[in-house]
Amino acid sequence: MKTSKSVLSVKFNSSHAPEKLMDICNQDLDEFRNVPGLIEKYYIAEEGTGAISGIYLFETQSSRDSFWTSDLAAKIPSRYAVIPETLRVENFEMAIVLNQAVNV
């Protein structure tokens, strides 16, 4: 099992209807599966505001940084119809993982 060392959170509201936004997310799954160093990506929707977030778990900080400067990341604002003033991007380093598998 790969260990995540770095996290990227991208949160925004979209001008797309929720159904269209989910269709686009589903269409893009294979592209995200091929991002070097990306272990897992969670698509989550905030119940109160409808904001969507991508939570990305990366093997390293450098793989996270490489993704964020990639062509794929550059397409996010237009492809997902991000409302610019709602965009929030945060970088985190992993501190503690509760249920991480331990090799014995």
PDB file of N, CA and C in Angstrom:
ATOM      1  N   MET A   1       0.846  -1.185   0.000  1.00  0.00           N
ATOM      2  CA  MET A   1       0.000   0.000   0.000  1.00  0.00           C
ATOM      3  C   MET A   1       0.890   1.247   0.000  1.00  0.00           C
ATOM      4  N   LYS A   2       0.597   2.171  -0.879  1.00  0.00           N
ATOM      5  CA  LYS A   2       1.360   3.416  -0.955  1.00  0.00           C
ATOM      6  C   LYS A   2       0.976   4.338   0.193  1.00  0.00           C
ATOM      7  N   THR A   3       1.944   5.094   0.663  1.00  0.00           N
ATOM      8  CA  THR A   3       1.730   6.017   1.761  1.00  0.00           C
ATOM      9  C   THR A   3       1.656   7.439   1.232  1.00  0.00           C
ATOM     10  N   SER A   4       0.639   8.137   1.664  1.00  0.00           N
ATOM     11  CA  SER A   4       0.461   9.527   1.266  1.00  0.00           C
ATOM     12  C   SER A   4       1.265  10.441   2.173  1.00  0.00           C
ATOM     13  N   LYS A   5       2.000  11.349   1.563  1.00  0.00           N
ATOM     14  CA  LYS A   5       2.794  12.316   2.321  1.00  0.00           C
ATOM     15  C   LYS A   5       2.286  13.744   2.143  1.00  0.00           C
ATOM     16  N   SER A   6       1.492  13.964   1.090  1.00  0.00           N
ATOM     17  CA  SER A   6       1.110  15.328   0.747  1.00  0.00           C
ATOM     18  C   SER A   6      -0.334  15.354   0.244  1.00  0.00           C
ATOM     19  N   VAL A   7      -1.064  16.399   0.614  1.00  0.00           N
ATOM     20  CA  VAL A   7      -2.485  16.516   0.283  1.00  0.00           C
ATOM     21  C   VAL A   7      -2.734  17.852  -0.401  1.00  0.00           C
ATOM     22  N   LEU A   8      -3.600  17.804  -1.400  1.00  0.00           N
ATOM     23  CA  LEU A   8      -4.064  19.011  -2.087  1.00  0.00           C
ATOM     24  C   LEU A   8      -5.576  19.054  -1.964  1.00  0.00           C
ATOM     25  N   SER A   9      -6.109  20.198  -1.584  1.00  0.00           N
ATOM     26  CA  SER A   9      -7.551  20.402  -1.519  1.00  0.00           C
ATOM     27  C   SER A   9      -7.920  21.541  -2.458  1.00  0.00           C
ATOM     28  N   VAL A  10      -8.839  21.251  -3.375  1.00  0.00           N
ATOM     29  CA  VAL A  10      -9.312  22.256  -4.322  1.00  0.00           C
ATOM     30  C   VAL A  10     -10.825  22.334  -4.158  1.00  0.00           C
ATOM     31  N   LYS A  11     -11.316  23.484  -3.674  1.00  0.00           N
ATOM     32  CA  LYS A  11     -12.736  23.652  -3.377  1.00  0.00           C
ATOM     33  C   LYS A  11     -13.281  24.820  -4.189  1.00  0.00           C
ATOM     34  N   PHE A  12     -14.489  24.646  -4.747  1.00  0.00           N
ATOM     35  CA  PHE A  12     -15.084  25.711  -5.540  1.00  0.00           C
ATOM     36  C   PHE A  12     -16.573  25.467  -5.748  1.00  0.00           C
ATOM     37  N   ASN A  13     -17.249  26.515  -6.151  1.00  0.00           N
ATOM     38  CA  ASN A  13     -18.606  26.405  -6.671  1.00  0.00           C
ATOM     39  C   ASN A  13     -18.498  26.463  -8.187  1.00  0.00           C
ATOM     40  N   SER A  14     -19.453  25.852  -8.846  1.00  0.00           N
ATOM     41  CA  SER A  14     -19.433  25.759 -10.299  1.00  0.00           C
ATOM     42  C   SER A  14     -20.709  26.372 -10.880  1.00  0.00           C
ATOM     43  N   SER A  15     -20.587  26.908 -12.086  1.00  0.00           N
ATOM     44  CA  SER A  15     -21.784  27.401 -12.769  1.00  0.00           C
ATOM     45  C   SER A  15     -22.478  26.277 -13.540  1.00  0.00           C
ATOM     46  N   HIS A  16     -21.889  25.081 -13.558  1.00  0.00           N
ATOM     47  CA  HIS A  16     -22.556  23.918 -14.155  1.00  0.00           C
ATOM     48  C   HIS A  16     -23.654  23.423 -13.219  1.00  0.00           C
ATOM     49  N   ALA A  17     -24.689  22.838 -13.779  1.00  0.00           N
ATOM     50  CA  ALA A  17     -25.694  22.137 -12.978  1.00  0.00           C
ATOM     51  C   ALA A  17     -25.005  20.944 -12.313  1.00  0.00           C
ATOM     52  N   PRO A  18     -25.453  20.538 -11.131  1.00  0.00           N
ATOM     53  CA  PRO A  18     -24.802  19.427 -10.422  1.00  0.00           C
ATOM     54  C   PRO A  18     -24.674  18.150 -11.269  1.00  0.00           C
ATOM     55  N   GLU A  19     -25.690  17.826 -12.041  1.00  0.00           N
ATOM     56  CA  GLU A  19     -25.643  16.615 -12.863  1.00  0.00           C
ATOM     57  C   GLU A  19     -24.553  16.719 -13.931  1.00  0.00           C
ATOM     58  N   LYS A  20     -24.448  17.885 -14.570  1.00  0.00           N
ATOM     59  CA  LYS A  20     -23.421  18.074 -15.587  1.00  0.00           C
ATOM     60  C   LYS A  20     -22.031  18.003 -14.961  1.00  0.00           C
ATOM     61  N   LEU A  21     -21.875  18.610 -13.803  1.00  0.00           N
ATOM     62  CA  LEU A  21     -20.583  18.592 -13.116  1.00  0.00           C
ATOM     63  C   LEU A  21     -20.168  17.156 -12.781  1.00  0.00           C
ATOM     64  N   MET A  22     -21.094  16.339 -12.298  1.00  0.00           N
ATOM     65  CA  MET A  22     -20.776  14.946 -11.985  1.00  0.00           C
ATOM     66  C   MET A  22     -20.449  14.159 -13.252  1.00  0.00           C
ATOM     67  N   ASP A  23     -21.134  14.451 -14.352  1.00  0.00           N
ATOM     68  CA  ASP A  23     -20.807  13.802 -15.629  1.00  0.00           C
ATOM     69  C   ASP A  23     -19.371  14.110 -16.038  1.00  0.00           C
ATOM     70  N   ILE A  24     -18.975  15.370 -15.918  1.00  0.00           N
ATOM     71  CA  ILE A  24     -17.609  15.773 -16.276  1.00  0.00           C
ATOM     72  C   ILE A  24     -16.606  15.079 -15.361  1.00  0.00           C
ATOM     73  N   CYS A  25     -16.889  15.044 -14.065  1.00  0.00           N
ATOM     74  CA  CYS A  25     -15.996  14.359 -13.122  1.00  0.00           C
ATOM     75  C   CYS A  25     -15.815  12.898 -13.529  1.00  0.00           C
ATOM     76  N   ASN A  26     -16.888  12.227 -13.873  1.00  0.00           N
ATOM     77  CA  ASN A  26     -16.810  10.830 -14.283  1.00  0.00           C
ATOM     78  C   ASN A  26     -16.022  10.658 -15.580  1.00  0.00           C
ATOM     79  N   GLN A  27     -16.182  11.582 -16.506  1.00  0.00           N
ATOM     80  CA  GLN A  27     -15.448  11.523 -17.771  1.00  0.00           C
ATOM     81  C   GLN A  27     -13.943  11.657 -17.554  1.00  0.00           C
ATOM     82  N   ASP A  28     -13.548  12.364 -16.515  1.00  0.00           N
ATOM     83  CA  ASP A  28     -12.136  12.658 -16.274  1.00  0.00           C
ATOM     84  C   ASP A  28     -11.416  11.639 -15.389  1.00  0.00           C
ATOM     85  N   LEU A  29     -12.118  10.624 -14.920  1.00  0.00           N
ATOM     86  CA  LEU A  29     -11.513   9.680 -13.975  1.00  0.00           C
ATOM     87  C   LEU A  29     -10.247   9.036 -14.517  1.00  0.00           C
ATOM     88  N   ASP A  30     -10.249   8.593 -15.770  1.00  0.00           N
ATOM     89  CA  ASP A  30      -9.053   7.937 -16.306  1.00  0.00           C
ATOM     90  C   ASP A  30      -7.861   8.875 -16.369  1.00  0.00           C
ATOM     91  N   GLU A  31      -8.103  10.134 -16.706  1.00  0.00           N
ATOM     92  CA  GLU A  31      -6.988  11.096 -16.733  1.00  0.00           C
ATOM     93  C   GLU A  31      -6.360  11.229 -15.351  1.00  0.00           C
ATOM     94  N   PHE A  32      -7.196  11.309 -14.324  1.00  0.00           N
ATOM     95  CA  PHE A  32      -6.673  11.447 -12.965  1.00  0.00           C
ATOM     96  C   PHE A  32      -6.006  10.161 -12.480  1.00  0.00           C
ATOM     97  N   ARG A  33      -6.486   9.012 -12.945  1.00  0.00           N
ATOM     98  CA  ARG A  33      -5.841   7.748 -12.570  1.00  0.00           C
ATOM     99  C   ARG A  33      -4.403   7.689 -13.052  1.00  0.00           C
ATOM    100  N   ASN A  34      -4.080   8.446 -14.083  1.00  0.00           N
ATOM    101  CA  ASN A  34      -2.737   8.412 -14.668  1.00  0.00           C
ATOM    102  C   ASN A  34      -1.817   9.526 -14.181  1.00  0.00           C
ATOM    103  N   VAL A  35      -2.224  10.289 -13.178  1.00  0.00           N
ATOM    104  CA  VAL A  35      -1.375  11.355 -12.647  1.00  0.00           C
ATOM    105  C   VAL A  35      -0.250  10.730 -11.826  1.00  0.00           C
ATOM    106  N   PRO A  36       1.002  10.990 -12.190  1.00  0.00           N
ATOM    107  CA  PRO A  36       2.131  10.416 -11.446  1.00  0.00           C
ATOM    108  C   PRO A  36       2.116  10.834  -9.971  1.00  0.00           C
ATOM    109  N   GLY A  37       2.229   9.840  -9.098  1.00  0.00           N
ATOM    110  CA  GLY A  37       2.304  10.110  -7.665  1.00  0.00           C
ATOM    111  C   GLY A  37       0.969  10.304  -6.978  1.00  0.00           C
ATOM    112  N   LEU A  38      -0.139  10.328  -7.742  1.00  0.00           N
ATOM    113  CA  LEU A  38      -1.467  10.491  -7.128  1.00  0.00           C
ATOM    114  C   LEU A  38      -1.944   9.126  -6.651  1.00  0.00           C
ATOM    115  N   ILE A  39      -2.156   9.016  -5.354  1.00  0.00           N
ATOM    116  CA  ILE A  39      -2.599   7.758  -4.759  1.00  0.00           C
ATOM    117  C   ILE A  39      -4.112   7.645  -4.808  1.00  0.00           C
ATOM    118  N   GLU A  40      -4.790   8.720  -4.442  1.00  0.00           N
ATOM    119  CA  GLU A  40      -6.253   8.704  -4.325  1.00  0.00           C
ATOM    120  C   GLU A  40      -6.784  10.105  -4.551  1.00  0.00           C
ATOM    121  N   LYS A  41      -7.983  10.174  -5.111  1.00  0.00           N
ATOM    122  CA  LYS A  41      -8.668  11.453  -5.244  1.00  0.00           C
ATOM    123  C   LYS A  41     -10.100  11.260  -4.790  1.00  0.00           C
ATOM    124  N   TYR A  42     -10.557  12.154  -3.936  1.00  0.00           N
ATOM    125  CA  TYR A  42     -11.934  12.129  -3.459  1.00  0.00           C
ATOM    126  C   TYR A  42     -12.671  13.315  -4.049  1.00  0.00           C
ATOM    127  N   TYR A  43     -13.843  13.065  -4.586  1.00  0.00           N
ATOM    128  CA  TYR A  43     -14.734  14.121  -5.046  1.00  0.00           C
ATOM    129  C   TYR A  43     -15.802  14.237  -3.966  1.00  0.00           C
ATOM    130  N   ILE A  44     -15.886  15.389  -3.330  1.00  0.00           N
ATOM    131  CA  ILE A  44     -16.875  15.558  -2.271  1.00  0.00           C
ATOM    132  C   ILE A  44     -17.692  16.821  -2.526  1.00  0.00           C
ATOM    133  N   ALA A  45     -18.949  16.783  -2.088  1.00  0.00           N
ATOM    134  CA  ALA A  45     -19.846  17.923  -2.260  1.00  0.00           C
ATOM    135  C   ALA A  45     -20.312  18.392  -0.889  1.00  0.00           C
ATOM    136  N   GLU A  46     -20.215  19.685  -0.668  1.00  0.00           N
ATOM    137  CA  GLU A  46     -20.649  20.270   0.596  1.00  0.00           C
ATOM    138  C   GLU A  46     -22.172  20.361   0.594  1.00  0.00           C
ATOM    139  N   GLU A  47     -22.791  19.813   1.605  1.00  0.00           N
ATOM    140  CA  GLU A  47     -24.248  19.737   1.645  1.00  0.00           C
ATOM    141  C   GLU A  47     -24.926  21.102   1.651  1.00  0.00           C
ATOM    142  N   GLY A  48     -24.423  22.029   2.422  1.00  0.00           N
ATOM    143  CA  GLY A  48     -25.095  23.319   2.566  1.00  0.00           C
ATOM    144  C   GLY A  48     -24.966  24.241   1.381  1.00  0.00           C
ATOM    145  N   THR A  49     -23.785  24.270   0.755  1.00  0.00           N
ATOM    146  CA  THR A  49     -23.526  25.244  -0.305  1.00  0.00           C
ATOM    147  C   THR A  49     -23.469  24.652  -1.708  1.00  0.00           C
ATOM    148  N   GLY A  50     -23.325  23.334  -1.781  1.00  0.00           N
ATOM    149  CA  GLY A  50     -23.165  22.698  -3.082  1.00  0.00           C
ATOM    150  C   GLY A  50     -21.754  22.821  -3.636  1.00  0.00           C
ATOM    151  N   ALA A  51     -20.850  23.411  -2.853  1.00  0.00           N
ATOM    152  CA  ALA A  51     -19.459  23.509  -3.299  1.00  0.00           C
ATOM    153  C   ALA A  51     -18.900  22.106  -3.469  1.00  0.00           C
ATOM    154  N   ILE A  52     -18.042  21.961  -4.456  1.00  0.00           N
ATOM    155  CA  ILE A  52     -17.398  20.676  -4.699  1.00  0.00           C
ATOM    156  C   ILE A  52     -15.924  20.805  -4.348  1.00  0.00           C
ATOM    157  N   SER A  53     -15.374  19.720  -3.845  1.00  0.00           N
ATOM    158  CA  SER A  53     -13.951  19.698  -3.522  1.00  0.00           C
ATOM    159  C   SER A  53     -13.321  18.458  -4.129  1.00  0.00           C
ATOM    160  N   GLY A  54     -12.095  18.637  -4.544  1.00  0.00           N
ATOM    161  CA  GLY A  54     -11.260  17.512  -4.894  1.00  0.00           C
ATOM    162  C   GLY A  54     -10.209  17.414  -3.806  1.00  0.00           C
ATOM    163  N   ILE A  55     -10.148  16.274  -3.159  1.00  0.00           N
ATOM    164  CA  ILE A  55      -9.132  16.019  -2.146  1.00  0.00           C
ATOM    165  C   ILE A  55      -8.174  14.992  -2.757  1.00  0.00           C
ATOM    166  N   TYR A  56      -6.936  15.414  -2.970  1.00  0.00           N
ATOM    167  CA  TYR A  56      -5.933  14.601  -3.653  1.00  0.00           C
ATOM    168  C   TYR A  56      -4.879  14.150  -2.650  1.00  0.00           C
ATOM    169  N   LEU A  57      -4.587  12.860  -2.628  1.00  0.00           N
ATOM    170  CA  LEU A  57      -3.540  12.321  -1.771  1.00  0.00           C
ATOM    171  C   LEU A  57      -2.365  11.913  -2.653  1.00  0.00           C
ATOM    172  N   PHE A  58      -1.212  12.520  -2.410  1.00  0.00           N
ATOM    173  CA  PHE A  58      -0.019  12.285  -3.219  1.00  0.00           C
ATOM    174  C   PHE A  58       1.060  11.585  -2.419  1.00  0.00           C
ATOM    175  N   GLU A  59       1.916  10.860  -3.144  1.00  0.00           N
ATOM    176  CA  GLU A  59       3.054  10.181  -2.523  1.00  0.00           C
ATOM    177  C   GLU A  59       4.053  11.173  -1.952  1.00  0.00           C
ATOM    178  N   THR A  60       4.255  12.294  -2.640  1.00  0.00           N
ATOM    179  CA  THR A  60       5.264  13.275  -2.220  1.00  0.00           C
ATOM    180  C   THR A  60       4.775  14.695  -2.498  1.00  0.00           C
ATOM    181  N   GLN A  61       5.433  15.646  -1.873  1.00  0.00           N
ATOM    182  CA  GLN A  61       5.139  17.049  -2.134  1.00  0.00           C
ATOM    183  C   GLN A  61       5.493  17.394  -3.583  1.00  0.00           C
ATOM    184  N   SER A  62       6.566  16.850  -4.092  1.00  0.00           N
ATOM    185  CA  SER A  62       6.960  17.171  -5.464  1.00  0.00           C
ATOM    186  C   SER A  62       5.950  16.632  -6.478  1.00  0.00           C
ATOM    187  N   SER A  63       5.354  15.465  -6.224  1.00  0.00           N
ATOM    188  CA  SER A  63       4.322  14.967  -7.139  1.00  0.00           C
ATOM    189  C   SER A  63       3.071  15.847  -7.069  1.00  0.00           C
ATOM    190  N   ARG A  64       2.747  16.325  -5.878  1.00  0.00           N
ATOM    191  CA  ARG A  64       1.620  17.261  -5.725  1.00  0.00           C
ATOM    192  C   ARG A  64       1.906  18.545  -6.492  1.00  0.00           C
ATOM    193  N   ASP A  65       3.089  19.102  -6.325  1.00  0.00           N
ATOM    194  CA  ASP A  65       3.437  20.351  -6.991  1.00  0.00           C
ATOM    195  C   ASP A  65       3.488  20.183  -8.510  1.00  0.00           C
ATOM    196  N   SER A  66       3.990  19.048  -8.969  1.00  0.00           N
ATOM    197  CA  SER A  66       4.034  18.776 -10.411  1.00  0.00           C
ATOM    198  C   SER A  66       2.631  18.694 -10.990  1.00  0.00           C
ATOM    199  N   PHE A  67       1.723  18.048 -10.270  1.00  0.00           N
ATOM    200  CA  PHE A  67       0.342  17.986 -10.749  1.00  0.00           C
ATOM    201  C   PHE A  67      -0.240  19.391 -10.863  1.00  0.00           C
ATOM    202  N   TRP A  68      -0.060  20.217  -9.835  1.00  0.00           N
ATOM    203  CA  TRP A  68      -0.711  21.531  -9.806  1.00  0.00           C
ATOM    204  C   TRP A  68      -0.204  22.455 -10.907  1.00  0.00           C
ATOM    205  N   THR A  69       0.957  22.177 -11.450  1.00  0.00           N
ATOM    206  CA  THR A  69       1.482  22.979 -12.563  1.00  0.00           C
ATOM    207  C   THR A  69       1.294  22.270 -13.909  1.00  0.00           C
ATOM    208  N   SER A  70       0.540  21.172 -13.924  1.00  0.00           N
ATOM    209  CA  SER A  70       0.336  20.385 -15.144  1.00  0.00           C
ATOM    210  C   SER A  70      -0.778  20.956 -16.020  1.00  0.00           C
ATOM    211  N   ASP A  71      -0.826  20.485 -17.254  1.00  0.00           N
ATOM    212  CA  ASP A  71      -1.896  20.866 -18.179  1.00  0.00           C
ATOM    213  C   ASP A  71      -3.261  20.423 -17.657  1.00  0.00           C
ATOM    214  N   LEU A  72      -3.313  19.248 -17.054  1.00  0.00           N
ATOM    215  CA  LEU A  72      -4.578  18.746 -16.515  1.00  0.00           C
ATOM    216  C   LEU A  72      -5.124  19.687 -15.446  1.00  0.00           C
ATOM    217  N   ALA A  73      -4.285  20.112 -14.521  1.00  0.00           N
ATOM    218  CA  ALA A  73      -4.730  21.038 -13.470  1.00  0.00           C
ATOM    219  C   ALA A  73      -5.118  22.392 -14.064  1.00  0.00           C
ATOM    220  N   ALA A  74      -4.401  22.833 -15.084  1.00  0.00           N
ATOM    221  CA  ALA A  74      -4.706  24.129 -15.709  1.00  0.00           C
ATOM    222  C   ALA A  74      -6.089  24.140 -16.351  1.00  0.00           C
ATOM    223  N   LYS A  75      -6.594  22.967 -16.726  1.00  0.00           N
ATOM    224  CA  LYS A  75      -7.916  22.879 -17.352  1.00  0.00           C
ATOM    225  C   LYS A  75      -9.068  22.895 -16.342  1.00  0.00           C
ATOM    226  N   ILE A  76      -8.774  22.717 -15.075  1.00  0.00           N
ATOM    227  CA  ILE A  76      -9.834  22.607 -14.065  1.00  0.00           C
ATOM    228  C   ILE A  76     -10.776  23.812 -14.062  1.00  0.00           C
ATOM    229  N   PRO A  77     -10.289  25.056 -14.020  1.00  0.00           N
ATOM    230  CA  PRO A  77     -11.225  26.185 -13.952  1.00  0.00           C
ATOM    231  C   PRO A  77     -12.235  26.236 -15.104  1.00  0.00           C
ATOM    232  N   SER A  78     -11.788  26.027 -16.325  1.00  0.00           N
ATOM    233  CA  SER A  78     -12.724  26.104 -17.450  1.00  0.00           C
ATOM    234  C   SER A  78     -13.571  24.839 -17.563  1.00  0.00           C
ATOM    235  N   ARG A  79     -12.953  23.685 -17.417  1.00  0.00           N
ATOM    236  CA  ARG A  79     -13.676  22.417 -17.586  1.00  0.00           C
ATOM    237  C   ARG A  79     -14.780  22.259 -16.547  1.00  0.00           C
ATOM    238  N   TYR A  80     -14.506  22.671 -15.330  1.00  0.00           N
ATOM    239  CA  TYR A  80     -15.471  22.509 -14.248  1.00  0.00           C
ATOM    240  C   TYR A  80     -16.287  23.779 -13.989  1.00  0.00           C
ATOM    241  N   ALA A  81     -16.128  24.772 -14.853  1.00  0.00           N
ATOM    242  CA  ALA A  81     -16.871  26.041 -14.745  1.00  0.00           C
ATOM    243  C   ALA A  81     -16.767  26.630 -13.342  1.00  0.00           C
ATOM    244  N   VAL A  82     -15.531  26.732 -12.866  1.00  0.00           N
ATOM    245  CA  VAL A  82     -15.267  27.260 -11.528  1.00  0.00           C
ATOM    246  C   VAL A  82     -15.664  28.731 -11.473  1.00  0.00           C
ATOM    247  N   ILE A  83     -16.416  29.098 -10.453  1.00  0.00           N
ATOM    248  CA  ILE A  83     -16.719  30.503 -10.181  1.00  0.00           C
ATOM    249  C   ILE A  83     -15.489  31.044  -9.452  1.00  0.00           C
ATOM    250  N   PRO A  84     -14.716  31.924 -10.125  1.00  0.00           N
ATOM    251  CA  PRO A  84     -13.381  32.301  -9.632  1.00  0.00           C
ATOM    252  C   PRO A  84     -13.319  32.737  -8.173  1.00  0.00           C
ATOM    253  N   GLU A  85     -14.263  33.542  -7.726  1.00  0.00           N
ATOM    254  CA  GLU A  85     -14.185  34.055  -6.357  1.00  0.00           C
ATOM    255  C   GLU A  85     -14.454  32.982  -5.297  1.00  0.00           C
ATOM    256  N   THR A  86     -14.893  31.780  -5.723  1.00  0.00           N
ATOM    257  CA  THR A  86     -15.141  30.701  -4.762  1.00  0.00           C
ATOM    258  C   THR A  86     -13.985  29.711  -4.676  1.00  0.00           C
ATOM    259  N   LEU A  87     -13.009  29.845  -5.557  1.00  0.00           N
ATOM    260  CA  LEU A  87     -11.905  28.886  -5.609  1.00  0.00           C
ATOM    261  C   LEU A  87     -11.001  29.019  -4.378  1.00  0.00           C
ATOM    262  N   ARG A  88     -10.767  27.882  -3.750  1.00  0.00           N
ATOM    263  CA  ARG A  88      -9.873  27.833  -2.591  1.00  0.00           C
ATOM    264  C   ARG A  88      -8.953  26.628  -2.753  1.00  0.00           C
ATOM    265  N   VAL A  89      -7.658  26.869  -2.805  1.00  0.00           N
ATOM    266  CA  VAL A  89      -6.664  25.814  -2.977  1.00  0.00           C
ATOM    267  C   VAL A  89      -5.772  25.789  -1.747  1.00  0.00           C
ATOM    268  N   GLU A  90      -5.633  24.596  -1.152  1.00  0.00           N
ATOM    269  CA  GLU A  90      -4.805  24.463   0.048  1.00  0.00           C
ATOM    270  C   GLU A  90      -3.897  23.248  -0.086  1.00  0.00           C
ATOM    271  N   ASN A  91      -2.664  23.414   0.385  1.00  0.00           N
ATOM    272  CA  ASN A  91      -1.674  22.344   0.401  1.00  0.00           C
ATOM    273  C   ASN A  91      -1.417  21.927   1.840  1.00  0.00           C
ATOM    274  N   PHE A  92      -1.332  20.613   2.041  1.00  0.00           N
ATOM    275  CA  PHE A  92      -1.099  20.065   3.379  1.00  0.00           C
ATOM    276  C   PHE A  92      -0.031  18.996   3.319  1.00  0.00           C
ATOM    277  N   GLU A  93       0.681  18.832   4.414  1.00  0.00           N
ATOM    278  CA  GLU A  93       1.576  17.701   4.596  1.00  0.00           C
ATOM    279  C   GLU A  93       0.899  16.753   5.581  1.00  0.00           C
ATOM    280  N   MET A  94       1.009  15.457   5.316  1.00  0.00           N
ATOM    281  CA  MET A  94       0.375  14.462   6.161  1.00  0.00           C
ATOM    282  C   MET A  94       1.055  14.461   7.530  1.00  0.00           C
ATOM    283  N   ALA A  95       0.259  14.476   8.590  1.00  0.00           N
ATOM    284  CA  ALA A  95       0.800  14.471   9.946  1.00  0.00           C
ATOM    285  C   ALA A  95       0.597  13.097  10.592  1.00  0.00           C
ATOM    286  N   ILE A  96      -0.647  12.678  10.721  1.00  0.00           N
ATOM    287  CA  ILE A  96      -0.982  11.397  11.344  1.00  0.00           C
ATOM    288  C   ILE A  96      -2.104  10.767  10.530  1.00  0.00           C
ATOM    289  N   VAL A  97      -2.006   9.456  10.325  1.00  0.00           N
ATOM    290  CA  VAL A  97      -3.063   8.714   9.628  1.00  0.00           C
ATOM    291  C   VAL A  97      -3.588   7.666  10.593  1.00  0.00           C
ATOM    292  N   LEU A  98      -4.861   7.745  10.937  1.00  0.00           N
ATOM    293  CA  LEU A  98      -5.462   6.877  11.942  1.00  0.00           C
ATOM    294  C   LEU A  98      -5.418   5.403  11.573  1.00  0.00           C
ATOM    295  N   ASN A  99      -5.891   5.047  10.394  1.00  0.00           N
ATOM    296  CA  ASN A  99      -6.049   3.643  10.035  1.00  0.00           C
ATOM    297  C   ASN A  99      -5.066   3.175   8.977  1.00  0.00           C
ATOM    298  N   GLN A 100      -3.891   3.755   8.953  1.00  0.00           N
ATOM    299  CA  GLN A 100      -2.892   3.378   7.962  1.00  0.00           C
ATOM    300  C   GLN A 100      -2.385   1.971   8.234  1.00  0.00           C
ATOM    301  N   ALA A 101      -2.320   1.151   7.184  1.00  0.00           N
ATOM    302  CA  ALA A 101      -1.812  -0.215   7.321  1.00  0.00           C
ATOM    303  C   ALA A 101      -0.356  -0.192   7.749  1.00  0.00           C
ATOM    304  N   VAL A 102      -0.015  -1.103   8.614  1.00  0.00           N
ATOM    305  CA  VAL A 102       1.361  -1.198   9.098  1.00  0.00           C
ATOM    306  C   VAL A 102       1.925  -2.527   8.606  1.00  0.00           C
ATOM    307  N   ASN A 103       3.083  -2.464   7.972  1.00  0.00           N
ATOM    308  CA  ASN A 103       3.740  -3.696   7.521  1.00  0.00           C
ATOM    309  C   ASN A 103       4.407  -4.370   8.704  1.00  0.00           C
ATOM    310  N   VAL A 104       4.087  -5.634   8.911  1.00  0.00           N
ATOM    311  CA  VAL A 104       4.629  -6.402  10.039  1.00  0.00           C
ATOM    312  C   VAL A 104       5.675  -7.373   9.535  1.00  0.00           C
TER     313      VAL A 104
END
